[in-house]
Amino acid sequence: MILNEDCSPDTSSTLQPFNEYMILSWYNYKQELERNISGAATETWKKFYEDPDINLPKLFYDNLTILFDNHFSYLSSFVFQFPYYHCDYYANSSKYLKYFRNEMKADYSWFKNQGVKEEYYWGLGAGSQPDGYGANSINNNRYLVISPHIVAGALGLVDRAKDDFLQMLKDEKFHYVLPNSSGAKII
């Protein structure tokens, strides 16, 4: 969603309201609450974000309901993690947590549906890939890039995340050395 300067939705926007910029709407809404006013930010929050079951668009993958912002594609898993770590309303909402977990399960399932054999190989994130930068998502990850950072971001929320991340830490394929560094390996 694109917001106008007064925090009202730009009706000419082609984006749907759910994406990582939900955080901005949350901060604007909180600011109005702190000032004891009810303006465009409050209206936008209540209309789109207060109840994700009612107000946000959904897609399905492997019988899992997932939030999205575009009628034609799924979102990268980082989009679900940003609001979890930056928006306490999202992090404390059983409804949003259900969609967060569904996305992580769908992420894992997508890799299995691509024929990936290693159980701990999953994580649709954003970053470097063979042709530059990519924000990978379900049905949009031609190089099968795996993001341990996504798995780490699901720790404590998705049952398999801890064991899978520990496996990634042991797997030499995930270790690399940064250019111009001391040579220490990182994941």
C-alpha atoms as a PDB file:
ATOM      1  CA  MET A   1       0.000   0.000   0.000  1.00  0.00           C
ATOM      2  CA  ILE A   2       1.173   3.509  -0.663  1.00  0.00           C
ATOM      3  CA  LEU A   3       0.275   6.151   1.907  1.00  0.00           C
ATOM      4  CA  ASN A   4      -0.366   9.811   1.194  1.00  0.00           C
ATOM      5  CA  GLU A   5       1.371  12.440   3.339  1.00  0.00           C
ATOM      6  CA  ASP A   6      -1.579  12.454   5.754  1.00  0.00           C
ATOM      7  CA  CYS A   7      -1.241   8.642   6.198  1.00  0.00           C
ATOM      8  CA  SER A   8      -4.405   7.871   4.233  1.00  0.00           C
ATOM      9  CA  PRO A   9      -4.205   5.084   1.615  1.00  0.00           C
ATOM     10  CA  ASP A  10      -3.389   6.120  -1.941  1.00  0.00           C
ATOM     11  CA  THR A  11      -6.330   4.620  -3.811  1.00  0.00           C
ATOM     12  CA  SER A  12      -4.388   4.587  -7.082  1.00  0.00           C
ATOM     13  CA  SER A  13      -1.898   2.113  -5.563  1.00  0.00           C
ATOM     14  CA  THR A  14      -1.749  -1.395  -7.007  1.00  0.00           C
ATOM     15  CA  LEU A  15      -0.249  -2.884  -3.850  1.00  0.00           C
ATOM     16  CA  GLN A  16      -2.417  -4.515  -1.243  1.00  0.00           C
ATOM     17  CA  PRO A  17      -2.013  -3.442   2.392  1.00  0.00           C
ATOM     18  CA  PHE A  18      -0.010  -6.390   3.718  1.00  0.00           C
ATOM     19  CA  ASN A  19       3.752  -6.084   3.299  1.00  0.00           C
ATOM     20  CA  GLU A  20       6.732  -5.137   5.443  1.00  0.00           C
ATOM     21  CA  TYR A  21       5.583  -1.511   5.450  1.00  0.00           C
ATOM     22  CA  MET A  22       2.835  -2.491   7.864  1.00  0.00           C
ATOM     23  CA  ILE A  23       5.403  -1.316  10.413  1.00  0.00           C
ATOM     24  CA  LEU A  24       5.095   2.268   9.190  1.00  0.00           C
ATOM     25  CA  SER A  25       1.328   2.169   9.558  1.00  0.00           C
ATOM     26  CA  TRP A  26       1.756   0.789  13.112  1.00  0.00           C
ATOM     27  CA  TYR A  27       4.159   3.570  14.115  1.00  0.00           C
ATOM     28  CA  ASN A  28       1.869   6.231  12.662  1.00  0.00           C
ATOM     29  CA  TYR A  29      -1.136   4.745  14.452  1.00  0.00           C
ATOM     30  CA  LYS A  30       0.760   4.597  17.770  1.00  0.00           C
ATOM     31  CA  GLN A  31       1.770   8.224  17.323  1.00  0.00           C
ATOM     32  CA  GLU A  32      -1.874   9.232  16.976  1.00  0.00           C
ATOM     33  CA  LEU A  33      -2.788   7.147  20.034  1.00  0.00           C
ATOM     34  CA  GLU A  34      -0.071   8.858  22.083  1.00  0.00           C
ATOM     35  CA  ARG A  35      -1.387  12.253  21.000  1.00  0.00           C
ATOM     36  CA  ASN A  36      -4.947  11.162  21.761  1.00  0.00           C
ATOM     37  CA  ILE A  37      -6.121  11.899  18.215  1.00  0.00           C
ATOM     38  CA  SER A  38      -7.900   9.758  15.648  1.00  0.00           C
ATOM     39  CA  GLY A  39      -6.825  10.659  12.126  1.00  0.00           C
ATOM     40  CA  ALA A  40      -5.893   8.993   8.877  1.00  0.00           C
ATOM     41  CA  ALA A  41      -3.319   6.701  10.519  1.00  0.00           C
ATOM     42  CA  THR A  42      -5.907   5.381  12.977  1.00  0.00           C
ATOM     43  CA  GLU A  43      -8.420   4.919  10.174  1.00  0.00           C
ATOM     44  CA  THR A  44      -5.867   3.087   8.029  1.00  0.00           C
ATOM     45  CA  TRP A  45      -4.773   0.819  10.903  1.00  0.00           C
ATOM     46  CA  LYS A  46      -8.313  -0.101  11.876  1.00  0.00           C
ATOM     47  CA  LYS A  47      -9.424  -0.615   8.279  1.00  0.00           C
ATOM     48  CA  PHE A  48      -6.563  -2.833   7.140  1.00  0.00           C
ATOM     49  CA  TYR A  49      -4.508  -4.192  10.027  1.00  0.00           C
ATOM     50  CA  GLU A  50      -6.564  -4.492  13.192  1.00  0.00           C
ATOM     51  CA  ASP A  51      -8.022  -7.863  12.162  1.00  0.00           C
ATOM     52  CA  PRO A  52      -6.055  -9.753   9.504  1.00  0.00           C
ATOM     53  CA  ASP A  53      -8.794 -12.366   9.150  1.00  0.00           C
ATOM     54  CA  ILE A  54     -11.225  -9.752   7.879  1.00  0.00           C
ATOM     55  CA  ASN A  55      -9.196  -7.054   6.191  1.00  0.00           C
ATOM     56  CA  LEU A  56      -6.147  -8.523   4.476  1.00  0.00           C
ATOM     57  CA  PRO A  57      -5.920 -10.426   1.173  1.00  0.00           C
ATOM     58  CA  LYS A  58      -4.967 -14.100   1.281  1.00  0.00           C
ATOM     59  CA  LEU A  59      -3.483 -16.785  -0.939  1.00  0.00           C
ATOM     60  CA  PHE A  60      -3.246 -20.519  -0.320  1.00  0.00           C
ATOM     61  CA  TYR A  61      -0.304 -22.879  -0.582  1.00  0.00           C
ATOM     62  CA  ASP A  62      -0.458 -26.545   0.440  1.00  0.00           C
ATOM     63  CA  ASN A  63      -3.718 -25.942   2.330  1.00  0.00           C
ATOM     64  CA  LEU A  64      -2.136 -23.081   4.290  1.00  0.00           C
ATOM     65  CA  THR A  65      -3.660 -19.600   4.274  1.00  0.00           C
ATOM     66  CA  ILE A  66      -1.039 -16.916   3.697  1.00  0.00           C
ATOM     67  CA  LEU A  67      -1.222 -13.117   3.615  1.00  0.00           C
ATOM     68  CA  PHE A  68       0.013 -11.336   0.491  1.00  0.00           C
ATOM     69  CA  ASP A  69       0.210  -7.938  -1.229  1.00  0.00           C
ATOM     70  CA  ASN A  70      -0.045  -8.824  -4.899  1.00  0.00           C
ATOM     71  CA  HIS A  71      -2.681 -10.907  -6.660  1.00  0.00           C
ATOM     72  CA  PHE A  72      -0.034 -12.634  -8.744  1.00  0.00           C
ATOM     73  CA  SER A  73       2.688 -13.746  -6.355  1.00  0.00           C
ATOM     74  CA  TYR A  74       3.625 -14.832  -2.852  1.00  0.00           C
ATOM     75  CA  LEU A  75       5.783 -12.768  -0.503  1.00  0.00           C
ATOM     76  CA  SER A  76       9.285 -13.469   0.709  1.00  0.00           C
ATOM     77  CA  SER A  77       9.308 -14.869   4.245  1.00  0.00           C
ATOM     78  CA  PHE A  78      11.195 -11.831   5.553  1.00  0.00           C
ATOM     79  CA  VAL A  79       8.005  -9.807   5.000  1.00  0.00           C
ATOM     80  CA  PHE A  80       6.353 -11.791   7.809  1.00  0.00           C
ATOM     81  CA  GLN A  81       9.378 -11.471  10.074  1.00  0.00           C
ATOM     82  CA  PHE A  82       9.847  -7.695   9.882  1.00  0.00           C
ATOM     83  CA  PRO A  83       6.502  -6.882  11.525  1.00  0.00           C
ATOM     84  CA  TYR A  84       7.000  -9.660  14.071  1.00  0.00           C
ATOM     85  CA  TYR A  85      10.216  -8.052  15.291  1.00  0.00           C
ATOM     86  CA  HIS A  86       9.115  -4.405  14.891  1.00  0.00           C
ATOM     87  CA  CYS A  87       5.393  -4.312  15.650  1.00  0.00           C
ATOM     88  CA  ASP A  88       4.303  -5.521  19.071  1.00  0.00           C
ATOM     89  CA  TYR A  89       0.661  -5.712  17.977  1.00  0.00           C
ATOM     90  CA  TYR A  90       1.631  -8.287  15.317  1.00  0.00           C
ATOM     91  CA  ALA A  91       3.942 -10.192  17.684  1.00  0.00           C
ATOM     92  CA  ASN A  92       1.213 -10.460  20.328  1.00  0.00           C
ATOM     93  CA  SER A  93      -1.657 -11.294  17.987  1.00  0.00           C
ATOM     94  CA  SER A  94      -2.663 -14.956  17.772  1.00  0.00           C
ATOM     95  CA  LYS A  95      -4.138 -14.215  14.350  1.00  0.00           C
ATOM     96  CA  TYR A  96      -0.960 -12.690  12.916  1.00  0.00           C
ATOM     97  CA  LEU A  97       1.152 -15.432  14.501  1.00  0.00           C
ATOM     98  CA  LYS A  98      -1.035 -18.011  12.752  1.00  0.00           C
ATOM     99  CA  TYR A  99      -0.197 -16.377   9.388  1.00  0.00           C
ATOM    100  CA  PHE A 100       3.478 -16.093  10.349  1.00  0.00           C
ATOM    101  CA  ARG A 101       3.633 -19.823  11.112  1.00  0.00           C
ATOM    102  CA  ASN A 102       1.663 -20.669   7.986  1.00  0.00           C
ATOM    103  CA  GLU A 103       4.185 -18.755   5.869  1.00  0.00           C
ATOM    104  CA  MET A 104       7.131 -20.564   7.459  1.00  0.00           C
ATOM    105  CA  LYS A 105       5.417 -23.946   6.948  1.00  0.00           C
ATOM    106  CA  ALA A 106       4.609 -23.041   3.336  1.00  0.00           C
ATOM    107  CA  ASP A 107       8.230 -21.917   2.838  1.00  0.00           C
ATOM    108  CA  TYR A 108       9.474 -25.301   4.072  1.00  0.00           C
ATOM    109  CA  SER A 109       6.853 -27.149   2.022  1.00  0.00           C
ATOM    110  CA  TRP A 110       7.760 -25.264  -1.155  1.00  0.00           C
ATOM    111  CA  PHE A 111      11.368 -26.473  -0.958  1.00  0.00           C
ATOM    112  CA  LYS A 112      10.188 -30.058  -0.462  1.00  0.00           C
ATOM    113  CA  ASN A 113       7.832 -29.692  -3.445  1.00  0.00           C
ATOM    114  CA  GLN A 114      10.849 -28.624  -5.533  1.00  0.00           C
ATOM    115  CA  GLY A 115      12.511 -31.960  -4.762  1.00  0.00           C
ATOM    116  CA  VAL A 116      14.976 -30.615  -2.185  1.00  0.00           C
ATOM    117  CA  LYS A 117      15.970 -33.713  -0.198  1.00  0.00           C
ATOM    118  CA  GLU A 118      17.702 -32.231   2.852  1.00  0.00           C
ATOM    119  CA  GLU A 119      15.020 -31.735   5.494  1.00  0.00           C
ATOM    120  CA  TYR A 120      16.633 -28.594   6.903  1.00  0.00           C
ATOM    121  CA  TYR A 121      16.993 -26.778   3.572  1.00  0.00           C
ATOM    122  CA  TRP A 122      14.412 -23.997   3.502  1.00  0.00           C
ATOM    123  CA  GLY A 123      14.206 -20.233   4.000  1.00  0.00           C
ATOM    124  CA  LEU A 124      12.840 -17.901   1.324  1.00  0.00           C
ATOM    125  CA  GLY A 125      14.654 -14.657   2.055  1.00  0.00           C
ATOM    126  CA  ALA A 126      16.150 -11.723   0.214  1.00  0.00           C
ATOM    127  CA  GLY A 127      19.767 -11.101  -0.670  1.00  0.00           C
ATOM    128  CA  SER A 128      22.555 -12.241  -2.951  1.00  0.00           C
ATOM    129  CA  GLN A 129      21.980 -14.834  -5.619  1.00  0.00           C
ATOM    130  CA  PRO A 130      23.858 -15.812  -8.802  1.00  0.00           C
ATOM    131  CA  ASP A 131      22.433 -12.960 -10.912  1.00  0.00           C
ATOM    132  CA  GLY A 132      22.579 -10.239  -8.223  1.00  0.00           C
ATOM    133  CA  TYR A 133      19.922  -9.432  -5.654  1.00  0.00           C
ATOM    134  CA  GLY A 134      16.686 -11.331  -5.241  1.00  0.00           C
ATOM    135  CA  ALA A 135      13.703 -11.366  -2.926  1.00  0.00           C
ATOM    136  CA  ASN A 136      12.828 -15.045  -3.143  1.00  0.00           C
ATOM    137  CA  SER A 137       9.364 -16.407  -2.466  1.00  0.00           C
ATOM    138  CA  ILE A 138       7.157 -19.372  -3.248  1.00  0.00           C
ATOM    139  CA  ASN A 139       7.279 -19.947  -7.020  1.00  0.00           C
ATOM    140  CA  ASN A 140       9.945 -17.249  -7.382  1.00  0.00           C
ATOM    141  CA  ASN A 141      13.326 -18.761  -6.512  1.00  0.00           C
ATOM    142  CA  ARG A 142      14.844 -20.178  -9.674  1.00  0.00           C
ATOM    143  CA  TYR A 143      18.251 -20.774  -8.058  1.00  0.00           C
ATOM    144  CA  LEU A 144      16.753 -22.458  -4.973  1.00  0.00           C
ATOM    145  CA  VAL A 145      18.573 -20.007  -2.710  1.00  0.00           C
ATOM    146  CA  ILE A 146      18.227 -21.049   0.931  1.00  0.00           C
ATOM    147  CA  SER A 147      18.293 -18.416   3.670  1.00  0.00           C
ATOM    148  CA  PRO A 148      19.440 -19.567   7.124  1.00  0.00           C
ATOM    149  CA  HIS A 149      18.498 -16.073   8.302  1.00  0.00           C
ATOM    150  CA  ILE A 150      14.820 -16.839   7.673  1.00  0.00           C
ATOM    151  CA  VAL A 151      15.091 -20.074   9.634  1.00  0.00           C
ATOM    152  CA  ALA A 152      16.803 -18.181  12.481  1.00  0.00           C
ATOM    153  CA  GLY A 153      14.021 -15.594  12.395  1.00  0.00           C
ATOM    154  CA  ALA A 154      11.487 -18.365  13.025  1.00  0.00           C
ATOM    155  CA  LEU A 155      13.247 -19.662  16.166  1.00  0.00           C
ATOM    156  CA  GLY A 156      10.832 -20.086  19.042  1.00  0.00           C
ATOM    157  CA  LEU A 157       7.821 -19.780  16.731  1.00  0.00           C
ATOM    158  CA  VAL A 158       8.129 -22.724  14.368  1.00  0.00           C
ATOM    159  CA  ASP A 159       8.808 -26.136  15.887  1.00  0.00           C
ATOM    160  CA  ARG A 160      11.338 -27.313  13.348  1.00  0.00           C
ATOM    161  CA  ALA A 161      13.325 -24.060  13.121  1.00  0.00           C
ATOM    162  CA  LYS A 162      15.757 -24.766  15.977  1.00  0.00           C
ATOM    163  CA  ASP A 163      16.847 -28.209  14.769  1.00  0.00           C
ATOM    164  CA  ASP A 164      16.998 -27.053  11.156  1.00  0.00           C
ATOM    165  CA  PHE A 165      19.098 -24.011  12.026  1.00  0.00           C
ATOM    166  CA  LEU A 166      21.490 -26.134  14.105  1.00  0.00           C
ATOM    167  CA  GLN A 167      21.883 -28.459  11.102  1.00  0.00           C
ATOM    168  CA  MET A 168      22.668 -25.455   8.901  1.00  0.00           C
ATOM    169  CA  LEU A 169      25.344 -24.335  11.358  1.00  0.00           C
ATOM    170  CA  LYS A 170      27.022 -27.739  11.020  1.00  0.00           C
ATOM    171  CA  ASP A 171      26.703 -27.902   7.227  1.00  0.00           C
ATOM    172  CA  GLU A 172      29.868 -26.577   5.538  1.00  0.00           C
ATOM    173  CA  LYS A 173      27.827 -25.524   2.480  1.00  0.00           C
ATOM    174  CA  PHE A 174      26.416 -22.655   4.560  1.00  0.00           C
ATOM    175  CA  HIS A 175      29.814 -21.390   5.770  1.00  0.00           C
ATOM    176  CA  TYR A 176      31.630 -18.622   3.968  1.00  0.00           C
ATOM    177  CA  VAL A 177      34.317 -16.031   4.533  1.00  0.00           C
ATOM    178  CA  LEU A 178      33.679 -12.353   3.949  1.00  0.00           C
ATOM    179  CA  PRO A 179      36.084 -10.598   1.579  1.00  0.00           C
ATOM    180  CA  ASN A 180      38.888  -8.726   3.374  1.00  0.00           C
ATOM    181  CA  SER A 181      38.109 -10.427   6.671  1.00  0.00           C
ATOM    182  CA  SER A 182      40.267 -12.351   9.114  1.00  0.00           C
ATOM    183  CA  GLY A 183      39.197 -15.594   7.484  1.00  0.00           C
ATOM    184  CA  ALA A 184      36.686 -16.571  10.136  1.00  0.00           C
ATOM    185  CA  LYS A 185      33.782 -18.522   8.708  1.00  0.00           C
ATOM    186  CA  ILE A 186      30.270 -17.218   9.153  1.00  0.00           C
ATOM    187  CA  ILE A 187      26.847 -18.508   8.182  1.00  0.00           C
END
